[in-house]
PDB file of N, CA and C in Angstrom:
ATOM      1  N   UNK A   1     -17.249 -79.018 -14.810  1.00  0.00           N
ATOM      2  CA  UNK A   1     -17.818 -78.094 -13.351  1.00  0.00           C
ATOM      3  C   UNK A   1     -17.673 -76.863 -13.610  1.00  0.00           C
ATOM      4  N   UNK A   2     -18.398 -76.033 -12.362  1.00  0.00           N
ATOM      5  CA  UNK A   2     -19.325 -75.020 -12.741  1.00  0.00           C
ATOM      6  C   UNK A   2     -18.934 -73.674 -11.814  1.00  0.00           C
ATOM      7  N   UNK A   3     -18.580 -72.747 -11.541  1.00  0.00           N
ATOM      8  CA  UNK A   3     -18.232 -72.198 -13.471  1.00  0.00           C
ATOM      9  C   UNK A   3     -16.830 -72.236 -13.755  1.00  0.00           C
ATOM     10  N   UNK A   4     -15.832 -72.791 -14.537  1.00  0.00           N
ATOM     11  CA  UNK A   4     -14.707 -72.732 -14.617  1.00  0.00           C
ATOM     12  C   UNK A   4     -13.655 -71.992 -14.169  1.00  0.00           C
ATOM     13  N   UNK A   5     -14.136 -70.615 -14.167  1.00  0.00           N
ATOM     14  CA  UNK A   5     -13.363 -70.187 -13.182  1.00  0.00           C
ATOM     15  C   UNK A   5     -13.898 -69.242 -12.169  1.00  0.00           C
ATOM     16  N   UNK A   6     -13.341 -69.418 -10.811  1.00  0.00           N
ATOM     17  CA  UNK A   6     -14.248 -68.742  -9.589  1.00  0.00           C
ATOM     18  C   UNK A   6     -13.076 -68.283  -8.711  1.00  0.00           C
ATOM     19  N   UNK A   7     -13.373 -67.681  -8.080  1.00  0.00           N
ATOM     20  CA  UNK A   7     -12.484 -66.488  -7.070  1.00  0.00           C
ATOM     21  C   UNK A   7     -12.107 -67.466  -5.824  1.00  0.00           C
ATOM     22  N   UNK A   8     -11.314 -67.190  -5.058  1.00  0.00           N
ATOM     23  CA  UNK A   8     -11.083 -67.634  -3.839  1.00  0.00           C
ATOM     24  C   UNK A   8     -12.222 -67.614  -3.022  1.00  0.00           C
ATOM     25  N   UNK A   9     -12.429 -68.257  -1.831  1.00  0.00           N
ATOM     26  CA  UNK A   9     -13.861 -68.166  -1.011  1.00  0.00           C
ATOM     27  C   UNK A   9     -14.866 -68.345  -1.485  1.00  0.00           C
ATOM     28  N   UNK A  10     -14.782 -68.712  -2.616  1.00  0.00           N
ATOM     29  CA  UNK A  10     -16.494 -69.236  -3.371  1.00  0.00           C
ATOM     30  C   UNK A  10     -16.446 -70.198  -4.025  1.00  0.00           C
ATOM     31  N   UNK A  11     -17.615 -70.865  -3.906  1.00  0.00           N
ATOM     32  CA  UNK A  11     -17.895 -72.027  -4.368  1.00  0.00           C
ATOM     33  C   UNK A  11     -18.200 -72.916  -6.016  1.00  0.00           C
ATOM     34  N   UNK A  12     -17.810 -73.842  -5.884  1.00  0.00           N
ATOM     35  CA  UNK A  12     -17.879 -74.414  -7.406  1.00  0.00           C
ATOM     36  C   UNK A  12     -18.433 -75.681  -7.355  1.00  0.00           C
ATOM     37  N   UNK A  13     -19.184 -76.103  -8.188  1.00  0.00           N
ATOM     38  CA  UNK A  13     -20.748 -77.155  -8.318  1.00  0.00           C
ATOM     39  C   UNK A  13     -19.745 -78.130  -9.332  1.00  0.00           C
ATOM     40  N   UNK A  14     -19.106 -79.663  -9.380  1.00  0.00           N
ATOM     41  CA  UNK A  14     -18.883 -80.527  -9.736  1.00  0.00           C
ATOM     42  C   UNK A  14     -19.880 -81.603  -9.810  1.00  0.00           C
ATOM     43  N   UNK A  15     -20.153 -81.656 -11.183  1.00  0.00           N
ATOM     44  CA  UNK A  15     -21.587 -82.761 -11.701  1.00  0.00           C
ATOM     45  C   UNK A  15     -20.661 -84.026 -12.449  1.00  0.00           C
ATOM     46  N   UNK A  16     -21.204 -85.203 -11.682  1.00  0.00           N
ATOM     47  CA  UNK A  16     -20.643 -86.128 -12.038  1.00  0.00           C
ATOM     48  C   UNK A  16     -21.732 -87.144 -11.545  1.00  0.00           C
ATOM     49  N   UNK A  17     -20.974 -88.699 -11.537  1.00  0.00           N
ATOM     50  CA  UNK A  17     -21.453 -89.908 -11.071  1.00  0.00           C
ATOM     51  C   UNK A  17     -20.997 -90.740 -10.082  1.00  0.00           C
ATOM     52  N   UNK A  18     -21.509 -91.470  -9.076  1.00  0.00           N
ATOM     53  CA  UNK A  18     -20.955 -92.113  -8.590  1.00  0.00           C
ATOM     54  C   UNK A  18     -20.439 -91.534  -7.295  1.00  0.00           C
ATOM     55  N   UNK A  19     -20.102 -90.148  -7.108  1.00  0.00           N
ATOM     56  CA  UNK A  19     -19.790 -89.335  -5.473  1.00  0.00           C
ATOM     57  C   UNK A  19     -20.443 -90.132  -4.563  1.00  0.00           C
ATOM     58  N   UNK A  20     -19.204 -90.012  -3.247  1.00  0.00           N
ATOM     59  CA  UNK A  20     -20.216 -90.107  -2.017  1.00  0.00           C
ATOM     60  C   UNK A  20     -19.776 -89.097  -1.241  1.00  0.00           C
ATOM     61  N   UNK A  21     -20.516 -89.716   0.036  1.00  0.00           N
ATOM     62  CA  UNK A  21     -20.722 -88.722   1.023  1.00  0.00           C
ATOM     63  C   UNK A  21     -19.157 -87.648   1.622  1.00  0.00           C
ATOM     64  N   UNK A  22     -18.338 -88.942   0.713  1.00  0.00           N
ATOM     65  CA  UNK A  22     -16.848 -88.209   2.006  1.00  0.00           C
ATOM     66  C   UNK A  22     -15.954 -88.422   0.989  1.00  0.00           C
ATOM     67  N   UNK A  23     -16.816 -87.494  -0.119  1.00  0.00           N
ATOM     68  CA  UNK A  23     -15.957 -87.258  -1.389  1.00  0.00           C
ATOM     69  C   UNK A  23     -14.758 -86.381  -0.837  1.00  0.00           C
ATOM     70  N   UNK A  24     -13.605 -86.083  -1.221  1.00  0.00           N
ATOM     71  CA  UNK A  24     -12.683 -84.735  -1.436  1.00  0.00           C
ATOM     72  C   UNK A  24     -12.594 -83.949  -2.532  1.00  0.00           C
ATOM     73  N   UNK A  25     -11.934 -82.954  -2.158  1.00  0.00           N
ATOM     74  CA  UNK A  25     -11.556 -81.982  -3.566  1.00  0.00           C
ATOM     75  C   UNK A  25     -10.763 -81.500  -3.206  1.00  0.00           C
ATOM     76  N   UNK A  26      -9.312 -81.440  -3.861  1.00  0.00           N
ATOM     77  CA  UNK A  26      -8.425 -80.725  -3.580  1.00  0.00           C
ATOM     78  C   UNK A  26      -7.941 -79.772  -4.843  1.00  0.00           C
ATOM     79  N   UNK A  27      -7.440 -78.503  -4.252  1.00  0.00           N
ATOM     80  CA  UNK A  27      -7.471 -77.618  -5.886  1.00  0.00           C
ATOM     81  C   UNK A  27      -5.843 -77.075  -5.225  1.00  0.00           C
ATOM     82  N   UNK A  28      -5.015 -77.333  -6.500  1.00  0.00           N
ATOM     83  CA  UNK A  28      -3.917 -76.490  -6.353  1.00  0.00           C
ATOM     84  C   UNK A  28      -3.080 -77.502  -5.006  1.00  0.00           C
ATOM     85  N   UNK A  29      -3.496 -78.847  -4.973  1.00  0.00           N
ATOM     86  CA  UNK A  29      -2.892 -78.780  -3.795  1.00  0.00           C
ATOM     87  C   UNK A  29      -3.412 -79.278  -2.430  1.00  0.00           C
ATOM     88  N   UNK A  30      -4.566 -78.172  -2.420  1.00  0.00           N
ATOM     89  CA  UNK A  30      -5.230 -77.808  -0.923  1.00  0.00           C
ATOM     90  C   UNK A  30      -6.329 -78.111  -0.872  1.00  0.00           C
ATOM     91  N   UNK A  31      -6.594 -79.137   0.295  1.00  0.00           N
ATOM     92  CA  UNK A  31      -7.910 -79.921   0.657  1.00  0.00           C
ATOM     93  C   UNK A  31      -8.940 -78.564   0.571  1.00  0.00           C
ATOM     94  N   UNK A  32     -10.220 -78.431  -0.565  1.00  0.00           N
ATOM     95  CA  UNK A  32     -11.010 -77.898  -0.173  1.00  0.00           C
ATOM     96  C   UNK A  32     -12.409 -78.266   0.501  1.00  0.00           C
ATOM     97  N   UNK A  33     -12.677 -76.873   1.091  1.00  0.00           N
ATOM     98  CA  UNK A  33     -14.433 -77.518   2.129  1.00  0.00           C
ATOM     99  C   UNK A  33     -15.344 -78.159   1.078  1.00  0.00           C
ATOM    100  N   UNK A  34     -15.714 -78.917   1.528  1.00  0.00           N
ATOM    101  CA  UNK A  34     -16.817 -79.802   1.028  1.00  0.00           C
ATOM    102  C   UNK A  34     -17.880 -79.296   1.256  1.00  0.00           C
ATOM    103  N   UNK A  35     -18.883 -78.532   0.866  1.00  0.00           N
ATOM    104  CA  UNK A  35     -20.314 -77.741   1.131  1.00  0.00           C
ATOM    105  C   UNK A  35     -21.194 -79.147   0.870  1.00  0.00           C
ATOM    106  N   UNK A  36     -21.129 -79.311   0.239  1.00  0.00           N
ATOM    107  CA  UNK A  36     -22.372 -80.813   0.014  1.00  0.00           C
ATOM    108  C   UNK A  36     -21.664 -81.725  -1.137  1.00  0.00           C
ATOM    109  N   UNK A  37     -22.082 -83.066  -0.541  1.00  0.00           N
ATOM    110  CA  UNK A  37     -21.931 -84.250  -1.858  1.00  0.00           C
ATOM    111  C   UNK A  37     -22.987 -84.847  -1.968  1.00  0.00           C
ATOM    112  N   UNK A  38     -23.569 -85.473  -2.954  1.00  0.00           N
ATOM    113  CA  UNK A  38     -24.270 -86.293  -3.983  1.00  0.00           C
ATOM    114  C   UNK A  38     -24.148 -87.290  -4.436  1.00  0.00           C
ATOM    115  N   UNK A  39     -24.515 -88.594  -4.939  1.00  0.00           N
ATOM    116  CA  UNK A  39     -24.045 -89.151  -5.824  1.00  0.00           C
ATOM    117  C   UNK A  39     -23.899 -88.542  -7.369  1.00  0.00           C
ATOM    118  N   UNK A  40     -24.262 -87.459  -7.575  1.00  0.00           N
ATOM    119  CA  UNK A  40     -24.529 -86.889  -8.693  1.00  0.00           C
ATOM    120  C   UNK A  40     -23.594 -85.218  -8.499  1.00  0.00           C
ATOM    121  N   UNK A  41     -23.221 -84.735  -7.261  1.00  0.00           N
ATOM    122  CA  UNK A  41     -23.093 -83.090  -7.462  1.00  0.00           C
ATOM    123  C   UNK A  41     -22.098 -83.274  -6.289  1.00  0.00           C
ATOM    124  N   UNK A  42     -20.881 -82.716  -6.382  1.00  0.00           N
ATOM    125  CA  UNK A  42     -20.340 -82.120  -4.899  1.00  0.00           C
ATOM    126  C   UNK A  42     -20.526 -80.284  -5.050  1.00  0.00           C
ATOM    127  N   UNK A  43     -20.486 -79.762  -4.390  1.00  0.00           N
ATOM    128  CA  UNK A  43     -20.385 -78.020  -4.162  1.00  0.00           C
ATOM    129  C   UNK A  43     -19.222 -77.838  -2.825  1.00  0.00           C
ATOM    130  N   UNK A  44     -18.381 -77.195  -3.491  1.00  0.00           N
ATOM    131  CA  UNK A  44     -16.866 -77.409  -2.634  1.00  0.00           C
ATOM    132  C   UNK A  44     -16.407 -75.686  -2.682  1.00  0.00           C
ATOM    133  N   UNK A  45     -15.819 -75.256  -1.092  1.00  0.00           N
ATOM    134  CA  UNK A  45     -15.615 -74.045  -1.673  1.00  0.00           C
ATOM    135  C   UNK A  45     -14.227 -73.703  -1.723  1.00  0.00           C
ATOM    136  N   UNK A  46     -13.360 -73.209  -2.622  1.00  0.00           N
ATOM    137  CA  UNK A  46     -11.935 -72.853  -3.770  1.00  0.00           C
ATOM    138  C   UNK A  46     -11.311 -72.278  -2.125  1.00  0.00           C
ATOM    139  N   UNK A  47     -10.418 -72.656  -1.363  1.00  0.00           N
ATOM    140  CA  UNK A  47      -9.341 -72.169  -0.837  1.00  0.00           C
ATOM    141  C   UNK A  47      -8.782 -70.961  -1.161  1.00  0.00           C
ATOM    142  N   UNK A  48      -8.815 -70.149  -0.250  1.00  0.00           N
ATOM    143  CA  UNK A  48      -7.636 -69.212  -0.182  1.00  0.00           C
ATOM    144  C   UNK A  48      -5.745 -68.926  -0.576  1.00  0.00           C
ATOM    145  N   UNK A  49      -5.290 -68.504  -1.255  1.00  0.00           N
ATOM    146  CA  UNK A  49      -4.209 -69.021  -1.487  1.00  0.00           C
ATOM    147  C   UNK A  49      -3.125 -68.142  -1.634  1.00  0.00           C
ATOM    148  N   UNK A  50      -2.274 -67.467  -0.915  1.00  0.00           N
ATOM    149  CA  UNK A  50      -1.248 -67.020  -0.152  1.00  0.00           C
ATOM    150  C   UNK A  50      -0.727 -66.060  -1.732  1.00  0.00           C
ATOM    151  N   UNK A  51      -0.038 -67.524  -2.549  1.00  0.00           N
ATOM    152  CA  UNK A  51       0.586 -66.769  -3.666  1.00  0.00           C
ATOM    153  C   UNK A  51      -0.289 -66.280  -4.418  1.00  0.00           C
ATOM    154  N   UNK A  52      -1.404 -65.960  -4.787  1.00  0.00           N
ATOM    155  CA  UNK A  52      -2.269 -65.342  -5.629  1.00  0.00           C
ATOM    156  C   UNK A  52      -2.634 -64.262  -5.338  1.00  0.00           C
ATOM    157  N   UNK A  53      -2.216 -63.361  -6.222  1.00  0.00           N
ATOM    158  CA  UNK A  53      -2.408 -61.721  -6.092  1.00  0.00           C
ATOM    159  C   UNK A  53      -4.102 -61.816  -5.746  1.00  0.00           C
ATOM    160  N   UNK A  54      -4.173 -60.666  -5.853  1.00  0.00           N
ATOM    161  CA  UNK A  54      -5.976 -60.221  -6.068  1.00  0.00           C
ATOM    162  C   UNK A  54      -6.307 -59.889  -7.533  1.00  0.00           C
ATOM    163  N   UNK A  55      -7.129 -60.199  -7.846  1.00  0.00           N
ATOM    164  CA  UNK A  55      -7.548 -59.989  -9.495  1.00  0.00           C
ATOM    165  C   UNK A  55      -6.774 -61.455 -10.372  1.00  0.00           C
ATOM    166  N   UNK A  56      -5.442 -61.636  -9.700  1.00  0.00           N
ATOM    167  CA  UNK A  56      -4.729 -62.559 -10.853  1.00  0.00           C
ATOM    168  C   UNK A  56      -5.533 -64.324 -10.796  1.00  0.00           C
ATOM    169  N   UNK A  57      -5.685 -64.349 -12.257  1.00  0.00           N
ATOM    170  CA  UNK A  57      -5.759 -65.710 -12.242  1.00  0.00           C
ATOM    171  C   UNK A  57      -5.069 -66.615 -12.708  1.00  0.00           C
ATOM    172  N   UNK A  58      -5.395 -67.816 -12.024  1.00  0.00           N
ATOM    173  CA  UNK A  58      -4.530 -68.711 -11.933  1.00  0.00           C
ATOM    174  C   UNK A  58      -4.776 -69.958 -12.275  1.00  0.00           C
ATOM    175  N   UNK A  59      -4.307 -70.959 -13.803  1.00  0.00           N
ATOM    176  CA  UNK A  59      -4.607 -72.266 -14.056  1.00  0.00           C
ATOM    177  C   UNK A  59      -4.700 -73.218 -12.086  1.00  0.00           C
ATOM    178  N   UNK A  60      -5.746 -73.879 -12.385  1.00  0.00           N
ATOM    179  CA  UNK A  60      -5.009 -74.172 -10.871  1.00  0.00           C
ATOM    180  C   UNK A  60      -5.888 -76.173 -11.190  1.00  0.00           C
ATOM    181  N   UNK A  61      -5.044 -77.011 -10.424  1.00  0.00           N
ATOM    182  CA  UNK A  61      -5.573 -78.430 -11.189  1.00  0.00           C
ATOM    183  C   UNK A  61      -6.488 -78.873  -9.956  1.00  0.00           C
ATOM    184  N   UNK A  62      -7.383 -79.776 -10.491  1.00  0.00           N
ATOM    185  CA  UNK A  62      -8.444 -79.778  -8.987  1.00  0.00           C
ATOM    186  C   UNK A  62      -8.667 -81.372  -9.433  1.00  0.00           C
ATOM    187  N   UNK A  63      -8.712 -81.770  -8.192  1.00  0.00           N
ATOM    188  CA  UNK A  63      -8.753 -83.243  -7.989  1.00  0.00           C
ATOM    189  C   UNK A  63      -9.963 -83.321  -7.054  1.00  0.00           C
ATOM    190  N   UNK A  64     -11.279 -84.617  -7.642  1.00  0.00           N
ATOM    191  CA  UNK A  64     -11.785 -85.251  -6.892  1.00  0.00           C
ATOM    192  C   UNK A  64     -11.827 -86.740  -6.137  1.00  0.00           C
ATOM    193  N   UNK A  65     -11.864 -87.348  -5.240  1.00  0.00           N
ATOM    194  CA  UNK A  65     -11.167 -88.473  -4.696  1.00  0.00           C
ATOM    195  C   UNK A  65     -12.211 -88.613  -3.957  1.00  0.00           C
ATOM    196  N   UNK A  66     -12.417 -90.075  -3.951  1.00  0.00           N
ATOM    197  CA  UNK A  66     -13.510 -91.041  -2.633  1.00  0.00           C
ATOM    198  C   UNK A  66     -12.149 -92.110  -2.445  1.00  0.00           C
ATOM    199  N   UNK A  67     -12.045 -91.942  -0.354  1.00  0.00           N
ATOM    200  CA  UNK A  67     -11.111 -92.686  -0.155  1.00  0.00           C
ATOM    201  C   UNK A  67     -11.497 -93.844  -0.795  1.00  0.00           C
ATOM    202  N   UNK A  68     -12.081 -94.830  -0.743  1.00  0.00           N
ATOM    203  CA  UNK A  68     -12.150 -96.196  -1.292  1.00  0.00           C
ATOM    204  C   UNK A  68     -12.511 -96.679  -2.586  1.00  0.00           C
ATOM    205  N   UNK A  69     -12.608 -95.668  -3.434  1.00  0.00           N
ATOM    206  CA  UNK A  69     -13.331 -96.192  -4.601  1.00  0.00           C
ATOM    207  C   UNK A  69     -11.306 -95.646  -5.744  1.00  0.00           C
ATOM    208  N   UNK A  70     -10.762 -94.284  -5.502  1.00  0.00           N
ATOM    209  CA  UNK A  70     -10.067 -93.649  -6.036  1.00  0.00           C
ATOM    210  C   UNK A  70     -10.405 -91.942  -6.129  1.00  0.00           C
ATOM    211  N   UNK A  71      -9.659 -91.797  -7.668  1.00  0.00           N
ATOM    212  CA  UNK A  71      -9.587 -90.186  -8.031  1.00  0.00           C
ATOM    213  C   UNK A  71      -9.686 -89.982  -9.262  1.00  0.00           C
ATOM    214  N   UNK A  72     -10.488 -88.248  -9.861  1.00  0.00           N
ATOM    215  CA  UNK A  72     -10.044 -88.390 -11.312  1.00  0.00           C
ATOM    216  C   UNK A  72      -9.883 -86.867 -10.846  1.00  0.00           C
ATOM    217  N   UNK A  73      -8.990 -86.189 -12.040  1.00  0.00           N
ATOM    218  CA  UNK A  73      -8.610 -85.297 -11.989  1.00  0.00           C
ATOM    219  C   UNK A  73      -9.028 -84.447 -13.105  1.00  0.00           C
ATOM    220  N   UNK A  74      -9.463 -82.795 -12.656  1.00  0.00           N
ATOM    221  CA  UNK A  74      -9.797 -82.040 -13.541  1.00  0.00           C
ATOM    222  C   UNK A  74      -9.254 -81.235 -14.469  1.00  0.00           C
ATOM    223  N   UNK A  75      -9.022 -80.485 -15.703  1.00  0.00           N
ATOM    224  CA  UNK A  75      -8.298 -79.806 -16.142  1.00  0.00           C
ATOM    225  C   UNK A  75      -9.224 -78.311 -16.654  1.00  0.00           C
ATOM    226  N   UNK A  76      -8.505 -77.442 -16.576  1.00  0.00           N
ATOM    227  CA  UNK A  76      -9.636 -76.279 -17.360  1.00  0.00           C
ATOM    228  C   UNK A  76     -10.105 -75.113 -16.584  1.00  0.00           C
ATOM    229  N   UNK A  77      -9.771 -76.117 -15.415  1.00  0.00           N
ATOM    230  CA  UNK A  77     -10.071 -74.958 -13.886  1.00  0.00           C
ATOM    231  C   UNK A  77      -9.095 -73.646 -13.761  1.00  0.00           C
ATOM    232  N   UNK A  78      -9.529 -72.548 -13.180  1.00  0.00           N
ATOM    233  CA  UNK A  78      -8.905 -71.607 -12.890  1.00  0.00           C
ATOM    234  C   UNK A  78      -9.704 -71.110 -11.765  1.00  0.00           C
ATOM    235  N   UNK A  79      -8.460 -70.644 -11.034  1.00  0.00           N
ATOM    236  CA  UNK A  79      -8.755 -69.696  -9.791  1.00  0.00           C
ATOM    237  C   UNK A  79      -8.083 -68.549  -9.789  1.00  0.00           C
ATOM    238  N   UNK A  80      -9.286 -67.350  -9.439  1.00  0.00           N
ATOM    239  CA  UNK A  80      -9.270 -65.900  -9.580  1.00  0.00           C
ATOM    240  C   UNK A  80      -9.091 -65.595  -8.362  1.00  0.00           C
ATOM    241  N   UNK A  81      -7.892 -64.654  -7.918  1.00  0.00           N
ATOM    242  CA  UNK A  81      -7.574 -64.347  -6.838  1.00  0.00           C
ATOM    243  C   UNK A  81      -8.803 -63.182  -6.125  1.00  0.00           C
ATOM    244  N   UNK A  82      -9.056 -62.863  -4.704  1.00  0.00           N
ATOM    245  CA  UNK A  82      -9.909 -62.104  -4.265  1.00  0.00           C
ATOM    246  C   UNK A  82      -9.358 -61.310  -3.232  1.00  0.00           C
TER     247      UNK A  82
END
């Protein structure tokens, strides 16, 4: 995923294979808005988190799931407070 650290309210890109149009992205337990989804790329907007202070850097769980298939979790992602 790029970038590995992103501000709240900005987009991230997740590259992979066999994504579907109905892919879902969850960051820190909150559903992210999927801007676009193709077989090989998902673009999603990082949600705003009330507990993340402006400028703070917080490690975040990120999960991509496709309802009919299952999901995968990614490590190494961090949210920066906006």
